[in-house]
Amino acid sequence: MWIRVVIGVVLVAVGGVWIAQGTGAMRGSMMSGHSGYAVLGALVVLVGLALLGLARRRRR
């Protein structure tokens, strides 16, 4: 169960960085300003939130 929480948190954090880079809010990489990375980041955040939701549901 805790592994889902750890992976979920990591995916949400990585997805957030990808969204910031894809939208141009975070500069300094080849991903900066490319909207495809923002979309990919949003999908990664959704997967991370789903894992966190599953972990929470299993705890109850």
C-alpha atoms as a PDB file:
ATOM      1  CA  MET A   1       0.000   0.000   0.000  1.00  0.00           C
ATOM      2  CA  TRP A   2       2.729   2.500   0.886  1.00  0.00           C
ATOM      3  CA  ILE A   3       4.430   1.852  -2.452  1.00  0.00           C
ATOM      4  CA  ARG A   4       1.340   3.215  -4.229  1.00  0.00           C
ATOM      5  CA  VAL A   5       1.519   6.346  -2.108  1.00  0.00           C
ATOM      6  CA  VAL A   6       5.206   6.889  -2.875  1.00  0.00           C
ATOM      7  CA  ILE A   7       4.775   6.272  -6.609  1.00  0.00           C
ATOM      8  CA  GLY A   8       1.653   8.461  -6.659  1.00  0.00           C
ATOM      9  CA  VAL A   9       3.426  11.372  -4.985  1.00  0.00           C
ATOM     10  CA  VAL A  10       6.413  11.058  -7.324  1.00  0.00           C
ATOM     11  CA  LEU A  11       4.158  10.980 -10.393  1.00  0.00           C
ATOM     12  CA  VAL A  12       2.223  14.048  -9.242  1.00  0.00           C
ATOM     13  CA  ALA A  13       5.474  15.941  -8.629  1.00  0.00           C
ATOM     14  CA  VAL A  14       7.030  14.934 -11.958  1.00  0.00           C
ATOM     15  CA  GLY A  15       3.812  15.708 -13.800  1.00  0.00           C
ATOM     16  CA  GLY A  16       3.687  19.132 -12.179  1.00  0.00           C
ATOM     17  CA  VAL A  17       7.215  19.892 -13.337  1.00  0.00           C
ATOM     18  CA  TRP A  18       6.363  18.734 -16.863  1.00  0.00           C
ATOM     19  CA  ILE A  19       3.263  20.959 -16.895  1.00  0.00           C
ATOM     20  CA  ALA A  20       5.341  23.937 -15.750  1.00  0.00           C
ATOM     21  CA  GLN A  21       7.984  23.291 -18.390  1.00  0.00           C
ATOM     22  CA  GLY A  22       5.469  22.629 -21.140  1.00  0.00           C
ATOM     23  CA  THR A  23       3.606  25.858 -20.478  1.00  0.00           C
ATOM     24  CA  GLY A  24       6.830  27.860 -20.312  1.00  0.00           C
ATOM     25  CA  ALA A  25       6.507  28.722 -16.623  1.00  0.00           C
ATOM     26  CA  MET A  26       9.777  26.898 -15.920  1.00  0.00           C
ATOM     27  CA  ARG A  27      12.647  27.564 -18.283  1.00  0.00           C
ATOM     28  CA  GLY A  28      15.969  25.853 -18.800  1.00  0.00           C
ATOM     29  CA  SER A  29      15.303  22.618 -20.610  1.00  0.00           C
ATOM     30  CA  MET A  30      14.445  21.358 -24.062  1.00  0.00           C
ATOM     31  CA  MET A  31      10.897  20.757 -22.817  1.00  0.00           C
ATOM     32  CA  SER A  32      10.310  24.450 -22.097  1.00  0.00           C
ATOM     33  CA  GLY A  33       7.509  25.951 -24.139  1.00  0.00           C
ATOM     34  CA  HIS A  34       6.370  22.716 -25.834  1.00  0.00           C
ATOM     35  CA  SER A  35       2.679  22.200 -25.092  1.00  0.00           C
ATOM     36  CA  GLY A  36       2.880  18.443 -25.671  1.00  0.00           C
ATOM     37  CA  TYR A  37       4.820  18.096 -22.445  1.00  0.00           C
ATOM     38  CA  ALA A  38       2.100  19.996 -20.576  1.00  0.00           C
ATOM     39  CA  VAL A  39      -0.486  17.509 -21.833  1.00  0.00           C
ATOM     40  CA  LEU A  40       1.750  14.567 -20.957  1.00  0.00           C
ATOM     41  CA  GLY A  41       2.347  16.083 -17.520  1.00  0.00           C
ATOM     42  CA  ALA A  42      -1.396  16.377 -16.929  1.00  0.00           C
ATOM     43  CA  LEU A  43      -1.829  12.702 -17.782  1.00  0.00           C
ATOM     44  CA  VAL A  44       0.983  11.738 -15.407  1.00  0.00           C
ATOM     45  CA  VAL A  45      -0.617  13.814 -12.633  1.00  0.00           C
ATOM     46  CA  LEU A  46      -3.943  12.035 -13.213  1.00  0.00           C
ATOM     47  CA  VAL A  47      -2.279   8.621 -12.972  1.00  0.00           C
ATOM     48  CA  GLY A  48      -0.530   9.699  -9.766  1.00  0.00           C
ATOM     49  CA  LEU A  49      -3.795  10.934  -8.260  1.00  0.00           C
ATOM     50  CA  ALA A  50      -5.487   7.666  -9.226  1.00  0.00           C
ATOM     51  CA  LEU A  51      -2.775   5.704  -7.422  1.00  0.00           C
ATOM     52  CA  LEU A  52      -3.179   7.892  -4.348  1.00  0.00           C
ATOM     53  CA  GLY A  53      -6.934   7.362  -4.466  1.00  0.00           C
ATOM     54  CA  LEU A  54      -6.495   3.593  -4.709  1.00  0.00           C
ATOM     55  CA  ALA A  55      -4.086   3.595  -1.788  1.00  0.00           C
ATOM     56  CA  ARG A  56      -6.520   5.600   0.301  1.00  0.00           C
ATOM     57  CA  ARG A  57      -9.435   3.346  -0.592  1.00  0.00           C
ATOM     58  CA  ARG A  58      -7.456   0.207   0.301  1.00  0.00           C
ATOM     59  CA  ARG A  59      -6.589   1.631   3.737  1.00  0.00           C
ATOM     60  CA  ARG A  60     -10.235   1.914   4.771  1.00  0.00           C
END
